[in-house]
PDB file of N, CA and C in Angstrom:
ATOM      1  N   MET A   1      18.116  -2.687   5.252  1.00  0.00           N
ATOM      2  CA  MET A   1      18.164  -2.289   3.856  1.00  0.00           C
ATOM      3  C   MET A   1      17.710  -0.830   3.776  1.00  0.00           C
ATOM      4  N   SER A   2      18.530   0.020   3.122  1.00  0.00           N
ATOM      5  CA  SER A   2      18.207   1.445   3.071  1.00  0.00           C
ATOM      6  C   SER A   2      17.362   1.829   1.865  1.00  0.00           C
ATOM      7  N   THR A   3      17.226   0.959   0.906  1.00  0.00           N
ATOM      8  CA  THR A   3      16.383   1.228  -0.258  1.00  0.00           C
ATOM      9  C   THR A   3      15.441   0.048  -0.476  1.00  0.00           C
ATOM     10  N   PRO A   4      14.308   0.301  -1.116  1.00  0.00           N
ATOM     11  CA  PRO A   4      13.363  -0.790  -1.356  1.00  0.00           C
ATOM     12  C   PRO A   4      13.973  -1.872  -2.258  1.00  0.00           C
ATOM     13  N   PRO A   5      13.520  -3.112  -2.111  1.00  0.00           N
ATOM     14  CA  PRO A   5      14.032  -4.199  -2.940  1.00  0.00           C
ATOM     15  C   PRO A   5      13.533  -4.114  -4.381  1.00  0.00           C
ATOM     16  N   ASP A   6      14.224  -4.776  -5.256  1.00  0.00           N
ATOM     17  CA  ASP A   6      13.795  -4.950  -6.651  1.00  0.00           C
ATOM     18  C   ASP A   6      13.562  -3.637  -7.393  1.00  0.00           C
ATOM     19  N   GLY A   7      14.239  -2.561  -6.964  1.00  0.00           N
ATOM     20  CA  GLY A   7      14.096  -1.287  -7.657  1.00  0.00           C
ATOM     21  C   GLY A   7      12.755  -0.605  -7.457  1.00  0.00           C
ATOM     22  N   LEU A   8      11.986  -1.037  -6.457  1.00  0.00           N
ATOM     23  CA  LEU A   8      10.685  -0.423  -6.188  1.00  0.00           C
ATOM     24  C   LEU A   8      10.877   1.010  -5.694  1.00  0.00           C
ATOM     25  N   PRO A   9       9.911   1.901  -5.945  1.00  0.00           N
ATOM     26  CA  PRO A   9      10.026   3.279  -5.477  1.00  0.00           C
ATOM     27  C   PRO A   9       9.816   3.374  -3.967  1.00  0.00           C
ATOM     28  N   VAL A  10      10.269   4.478  -3.362  1.00  0.00           N
ATOM     29  CA  VAL A  10      10.095   4.647  -1.920  1.00  0.00           C
ATOM     30  C   VAL A  10       8.654   4.980  -1.562  1.00  0.00           C
ATOM     31  N   TYR A  11       7.894   5.505  -2.506  1.00  0.00           N
ATOM     32  CA  TYR A  11       6.482   5.827  -2.287  1.00  0.00           C
ATOM     33  C   TYR A  11       5.656   5.024  -3.270  1.00  0.00           C
ATOM     34  N   ARG A  12       4.635   4.361  -2.760  1.00  0.00           N
ATOM     35  CA  ARG A  12       3.765   3.563  -3.632  1.00  0.00           C
ATOM     36  C   ARG A  12       2.321   3.748  -3.204  1.00  0.00           C
ATOM     37  N   VAL A  13       1.410   3.589  -4.144  1.00  0.00           N
ATOM     38  CA  VAL A  13      -0.020   3.572  -3.838  1.00  0.00           C
ATOM     39  C   VAL A  13      -0.572   2.241  -4.344  1.00  0.00           C
ATOM     40  N   LEU A  14      -1.080   1.464  -3.427  1.00  0.00           N
ATOM     41  CA  LEU A  14      -1.683   0.181  -3.758  1.00  0.00           C
ATOM     42  C   LEU A  14      -3.177   0.396  -3.915  1.00  0.00           C
ATOM     43  N   THR A  15      -3.765  -0.143  -4.964  1.00  0.00           N
ATOM     44  CA  THR A  15      -5.198   0.013  -5.194  1.00  0.00           C
ATOM     45  C   THR A  15      -5.816  -1.326  -5.561  1.00  0.00           C
ATOM     46  N   GLY A  16      -7.110  -1.433  -5.317  1.00  0.00           N
ATOM     47  CA  GLY A  16      -7.814  -2.633  -5.720  1.00  0.00           C
ATOM     48  C   GLY A  16      -9.115  -2.777  -4.975  1.00  0.00           C
ATOM     49  N   PRO A  17      -9.884  -3.795  -5.344  1.00  0.00           N
ATOM     50  CA  PRO A  17     -11.126  -4.084  -4.626  1.00  0.00           C
ATOM     51  C   PRO A  17     -10.822  -4.398  -3.162  1.00  0.00           C
ATOM     52  N   ASP A  18     -11.716  -4.015  -2.294  1.00  0.00           N
ATOM     53  CA  ASP A  18     -11.547  -4.277  -0.865  1.00  0.00           C
ATOM     54  C   ASP A  18     -11.872  -5.745  -0.597  1.00  0.00           C
ATOM     55  N   ASP A  19     -10.858  -6.591  -0.763  1.00  0.00           N
ATOM     56  CA  ASP A  19     -11.037  -8.023  -0.557  1.00  0.00           C
ATOM     57  C   ASP A  19      -9.790  -8.608   0.094  1.00  0.00           C
ATOM     58  N   ALA A  20      -9.807  -9.906   0.322  1.00  0.00           N
ATOM     59  CA  ALA A  20      -8.683 -10.567   0.986  1.00  0.00           C
ATOM     60  C   ALA A  20      -7.390 -10.444   0.184  1.00  0.00           C
ATOM     61  N   ALA A  21      -7.473 -10.465  -1.134  1.00  0.00           N
ATOM     62  CA  ALA A  21      -6.272 -10.342  -1.970  1.00  0.00           C
ATOM     63  C   ALA A  21      -5.617  -8.978  -1.769  1.00  0.00           C
ATOM     64  N   PHE A  22      -6.419  -7.925  -1.696  1.00  0.00           N
ATOM     65  CA  PHE A  22      -5.864  -6.590  -1.464  1.00  0.00           C
ATOM     66  C   PHE A  22      -5.202  -6.530  -0.089  1.00  0.00           C
ATOM     67  N   CYS A  23      -5.858  -7.065   0.918  1.00  0.00           N
ATOM     68  CA  CYS A  23      -5.289  -7.072   2.269  1.00  0.00           C
ATOM     69  C   CYS A  23      -3.965  -7.830   2.303  1.00  0.00           C
ATOM     70  N   ARG A  24      -3.878  -8.940   1.560  1.00  0.00           N
ATOM     71  CA  ARG A  24      -2.619  -9.695   1.485  1.00  0.00           C
ATOM     72  C   ARG A  24      -1.524  -8.854   0.828  1.00  0.00           C
ATOM     73  N   ARG A  25      -1.863  -8.129  -0.249  1.00  0.00           N
ATOM     74  CA  ARG A  25      -0.882  -7.271  -0.930  1.00  0.00           C
ATOM     75  C   ARG A  25      -0.335  -6.211   0.018  1.00  0.00           C
ATOM     76  N   VAL A  26      -1.225  -5.585   0.783  1.00  0.00           N
ATOM     77  CA  VAL A  26      -0.776  -4.574   1.744  1.00  0.00           C
ATOM     78  C   VAL A  26       0.095  -5.227   2.820  1.00  0.00           C
ATOM     79  N   SER A  27      -0.331  -6.364   3.340  1.00  0.00           N
ATOM     80  CA  SER A  27       0.437  -7.066   4.373  1.00  0.00           C
ATOM     81  C   SER A  27       1.822  -7.468   3.869  1.00  0.00           C
ATOM     82  N   GLU A  28       1.907  -7.969   2.648  1.00  0.00           N
ATOM     83  CA  GLU A  28       3.192  -8.350   2.066  1.00  0.00           C
ATOM     84  C   GLU A  28       4.093  -7.131   1.890  1.00  0.00           C
ATOM     85  N   THR A  29       3.510  -6.016   1.501  1.00  0.00           N
ATOM     86  CA  THR A  29       4.282  -4.788   1.324  1.00  0.00           C
ATOM     87  C   THR A  29       4.831  -4.305   2.666  1.00  0.00           C
ATOM     88  N   LEU A  30       4.020  -4.378   3.710  1.00  0.00           N
ATOM     89  CA  LEU A  30       4.481  -4.001   5.043  1.00  0.00           C
ATOM     90  C   LEU A  30       5.602  -4.930   5.511  1.00  0.00           C
ATOM     91  N   ALA A  31       5.481  -6.211   5.228  1.00  0.00           N
ATOM     92  CA  ALA A  31       6.509  -7.177   5.621  1.00  0.00           C
ATOM     93  C   ALA A  31       7.835  -6.911   4.908  1.00  0.00           C
ATOM     94  N   MET A  32       7.788  -6.293   3.724  1.00  0.00           N
ATOM     95  CA  MET A  32       9.013  -5.958   2.983  1.00  0.00           C
ATOM     96  C   MET A  32       9.750  -4.784   3.608  1.00  0.00           C
ATOM     97  N   GLY A  33       9.078  -3.998   4.445  1.00  0.00           N
ATOM     98  CA  GLY A  33       9.717  -2.853   5.081  1.00  0.00           C
ATOM     99  C   GLY A  33       9.048  -1.518   4.820  1.00  0.00           C
ATOM    100  N   TYR A  34       7.962  -1.524   4.059  1.00  0.00           N
ATOM    101  CA  TYR A  34       7.194  -0.304   3.858  1.00  0.00           C
ATOM    102  C   TYR A  34       6.341  -0.072   5.096  1.00  0.00           C
ATOM    103  N   ARG A  35       5.868   1.181   5.250  1.00  0.00           N
ATOM    104  CA  ARG A  35       4.912   1.467   6.313  1.00  0.00           C
ATOM    105  C   ARG A  35       3.762   2.267   5.728  1.00  0.00           C
ATOM    106  N   LEU A  36       2.619   2.211   6.390  1.00  0.00           N
ATOM    107  CA  LEU A  36       1.439   2.927   5.915  1.00  0.00           C
ATOM    108  C   LEU A  36       1.698   4.428   5.957  1.00  0.00           C
ATOM    109  N   HIS A  37       1.199   5.130   4.960  1.00  0.00           N
ATOM    110  CA  HIS A  37       1.259   6.588   4.935  1.00  0.00           C
ATOM    111  C   HIS A  37      -0.173   7.095   4.967  1.00  0.00           C
ATOM    112  N   GLU A  38      -0.558   7.603   6.145  1.00  0.00           N
ATOM    113  CA  GLU A  38      -1.928   8.069   6.357  1.00  0.00           C
ATOM    114  C   GLU A  38      -2.908   6.893   6.250  1.00  0.00           C
ATOM    115  N   GLY A  39      -4.183   7.209   6.215  1.00  0.00           N
ATOM    116  CA  GLY A  39      -5.214   6.187   6.126  1.00  0.00           C
ATOM    117  C   GLY A  39      -5.569   5.904   4.681  1.00  0.00           C
ATOM    118  N   PRO A  40      -6.355   4.882   4.457  1.00  0.00           N
ATOM    119  CA  PRO A  40      -6.743   4.524   3.093  1.00  0.00           C
ATOM    120  C   PRO A  40      -7.805   5.466   2.541  1.00  0.00           C
ATOM    121  N   ALA A  41      -7.912   5.506   1.227  1.00  0.00           N
ATOM    122  CA  ALA A  41      -9.014   6.172   0.540  1.00  0.00           C
ATOM    123  C   ALA A  41      -9.940   5.070   0.038  1.00  0.00           C
ATOM    124  N   VAL A  42     -11.232   5.296   0.162  1.00  0.00           N
ATOM    125  CA  VAL A  42     -12.211   4.273  -0.206  1.00  0.00           C
ATOM    126  C   VAL A  42     -13.282   4.908  -1.091  1.00  0.00           C
ATOM    127  N   THR A  43     -13.661   4.201  -2.132  1.00  0.00           N
ATOM    128  CA  THR A  43     -14.732   4.660  -3.009  1.00  0.00           C
ATOM    129  C   THR A  43     -15.561   3.466  -3.449  1.00  0.00           C
ATOM    130  N   PHE A  44     -16.652   3.735  -4.087  1.00  0.00           N
ATOM    131  CA  PHE A  44     -17.531   2.690  -4.600  1.00  0.00           C
ATOM    132  C   PHE A  44     -17.683   2.910  -6.101  1.00  0.00           C
ATOM    133  N   ASP A  45     -17.407   1.894  -6.905  1.00  0.00           N
ATOM    134  CA  ASP A  45     -17.432   2.052  -8.367  1.00  0.00           C
ATOM    135  C   ASP A  45     -18.771   1.641  -8.988  1.00  0.00           C
ATOM    136  N   GLY A  46     -19.780   1.478  -8.164  1.00  0.00           N
ATOM    137  CA  GLY A  46     -21.087   1.058  -8.656  1.00  0.00           C
ATOM    138  C   GLY A  46     -21.324  -0.429  -8.500  1.00  0.00           C
ATOM    139  N   GLU A  47     -20.242  -1.179  -8.302  1.00  0.00           N
ATOM    140  CA  GLU A  47     -20.345  -2.627  -8.108  1.00  0.00           C
ATOM    141  C   GLU A  47     -19.643  -3.107  -6.848  1.00  0.00           C
ATOM    142  N   ARG A  48     -18.530  -2.454  -6.514  1.00  0.00           N
ATOM    143  CA  ARG A  48     -17.736  -2.920  -5.371  1.00  0.00           C
ATOM    144  C   ARG A  48     -16.969  -1.756  -4.755  1.00  0.00           C
ATOM    145  N   VAL A  49     -16.482  -1.972  -3.539  1.00  0.00           N
ATOM    146  CA  VAL A  49     -15.677  -0.985  -2.837  1.00  0.00           C
ATOM    147  C   VAL A  49     -14.236  -1.105  -3.336  1.00  0.00           C
ATOM    148  N   ILE A  50     -13.648   0.039  -3.696  1.00  0.00           N
ATOM    149  CA  ILE A  50     -12.262   0.104  -4.154  1.00  0.00           C
ATOM    150  C   ILE A  50     -11.460   0.874  -3.108  1.00  0.00           C
ATOM    151  N   VAL A  51     -10.275   0.357  -2.783  1.00  0.00           N
ATOM    152  CA  VAL A  51      -9.430   0.956  -1.758  1.00  0.00           C
ATOM    153  C   VAL A  51      -8.102   1.388  -2.372  1.00  0.00           C
ATOM    154  N   ALA A  52      -7.571   2.498  -1.867  1.00  0.00           N
ATOM    155  CA  ALA A  52      -6.222   2.942  -2.211  1.00  0.00           C
ATOM    156  C   ALA A  52      -5.476   3.165  -0.909  1.00  0.00           C
ATOM    157  N   GLN A  53      -4.278   2.597  -0.807  1.00  0.00           N
ATOM    158  CA  GLN A  53      -3.465   2.764   0.391  1.00  0.00           C
ATOM    159  C   GLN A  53      -2.061   3.173  -0.008  1.00  0.00           C
ATOM    160  N   ALA A  54      -1.628   4.333   0.455  1.00  0.00           N
ATOM    161  CA  ALA A  54      -0.261   4.789   0.202  1.00  0.00           C
ATOM    162  C   ALA A  54       0.670   4.159   1.232  1.00  0.00           C
ATOM    163  N   VAL A  55       1.858   3.788   0.772  1.00  0.00           N
ATOM    164  CA  VAL A  55       2.901   3.258   1.649  1.00  0.00           C
ATOM    165  C   VAL A  55       4.216   3.952   1.307  1.00  0.00           C
ATOM    166  N   VAL A  56       5.089   4.086   2.309  1.00  0.00           N
ATOM    167  CA  VAL A  56       6.413   4.663   2.108  1.00  0.00           C
ATOM    168  C   VAL A  56       7.457   3.708   2.656  1.00  0.00           C
ATOM    169  N   TRP A  57       8.631   3.780   2.106  1.00  0.00           N
ATOM    170  CA  TRP A  57       9.703   2.896   2.512  1.00  0.00           C
ATOM    171  C   TRP A  57      10.290   3.365   3.841  1.00  0.00           C
ATOM    172  N   GLY A  58      10.435   2.462   4.784  1.00  0.00           N
ATOM    173  CA  GLY A  58      11.122   2.710   6.046  1.00  0.00           C
ATOM    174  C   GLY A  58      10.752   4.017   6.710  1.00  0.00           C
ATOM    175  N   GLY A  59      11.746   4.889   6.929  1.00  0.00           N
ATOM    176  CA  GLY A  59      11.543   6.134   7.655  1.00  0.00           C
ATOM    177  C   GLY A  59      11.119   7.294   6.802  1.00  0.00           C
ATOM    178  N   MET A  60      10.775   7.062   5.533  1.00  0.00           N
ATOM    179  CA  MET A  60      10.367   8.154   4.656  1.00  0.00           C
ATOM    180  C   MET A  60       9.100   8.818   5.195  1.00  0.00           C
ATOM    181  N   GLY A  61       9.002  10.135   4.982  1.00  0.00           N
ATOM    182  CA  GLY A  61       7.797  10.864   5.329  1.00  0.00           C
ATOM    183  C   GLY A  61       7.699  11.254   6.786  1.00  0.00           C
ATOM    184  N   GLU A  62       8.764  11.043   7.560  1.00  0.00           N
ATOM    185  CA  GLU A  62       8.725  11.438   8.977  1.00  0.00           C
ATOM    186  C   GLU A  62       9.213  12.852   9.130  1.00  0.00           C
TER     187      GLU A  62
END
């Protein structure tokens, strides 16, 4: 597939608390054909760790 499914953009940033649900979201996105773009960004909001992970579709960003 040369374009992302369901009209999704070729570049996405996934964000959320650093928990199992976030890891599942990233894993599902990778299984769809996206790949990680650089490393994650991590911050602390005073209560929990928040993660942001950029992903790109297929060969984008090479």
